[in-house]
Amino acid sequence: MGGDYAPNQPVLGAIQALPELPADARLVLFGDEKVIRDLFASEGADVSLVDIVHTTEVIGMDEQATRAIPGKPDSSISRGFEYLKKGEIHGFASAGNSGAMMVGSMFSVKTVPGILRPAICSVIPKEDGSTGVFLDAGANADCKPEHLQQFAILGSLFLEHVYGVKNPKVGLMNIGEEEEKGNKALQGNASSFKANERNKFYWKYRRP
């Protein structure tokens, strides 16, 4: 029930999404049941179209994630990951504390074997109608070259298999186009990015 303008906006977003969902998909909302039911009623929406898991705690946006998850087991984020881990839902999303979401995912569903660090991925629509992704978008403050390499591969695979983009172009965001610029992680990645056959590498974003 966290995030900007919560709990109203997440619930209103769920109501707007209902007509667009496939027939075999069903939303499960985690949060204060009375608040959710009241919002559905105020919008004239049918609350029977969703399942509600009542929670009594909220993880604030300024709370430390590693303490909040175990400290508030009846929060919407904690309960959501509990359901995901048990296989009672197929996916879980929240507009709340991103750190808590990251910690919850690490402890519940864990990373793919071999992945050193998770990354937050932002989907970016382009002017020509195509789709790009940007990662990491806030999960890691400091990264080693091998982390950036994995982020590039993860983003490339995501675009290829989820959005159907063939041979995605991979770039490094830096303070300039020269390979010697940037911190050590960026400097150490220019040559290795070019050597990776999976990456169609370019150094900075250019206007067409």
Foldseek 3Di string as FASTA:
>chain_A
DAAPPPDQPVLVVVQVCVVVDDPPDAAEAEEAPVVSVVSCVVVVHDPVRHHYDYADDADAQPDQQVCCLVVRCRHRLNVQLVCCLVVVDVDDDDNHHVNNNQVSCCVRVNDDPPQPGDAPKDWDQDPVRAIAIDIRPPNDPDDALVNVVVVQVVRLVCCCPVVVDPLDAGEDAFPDQDLVGDDPSSNVNPVVQVVDPSHNYGYHDDDD
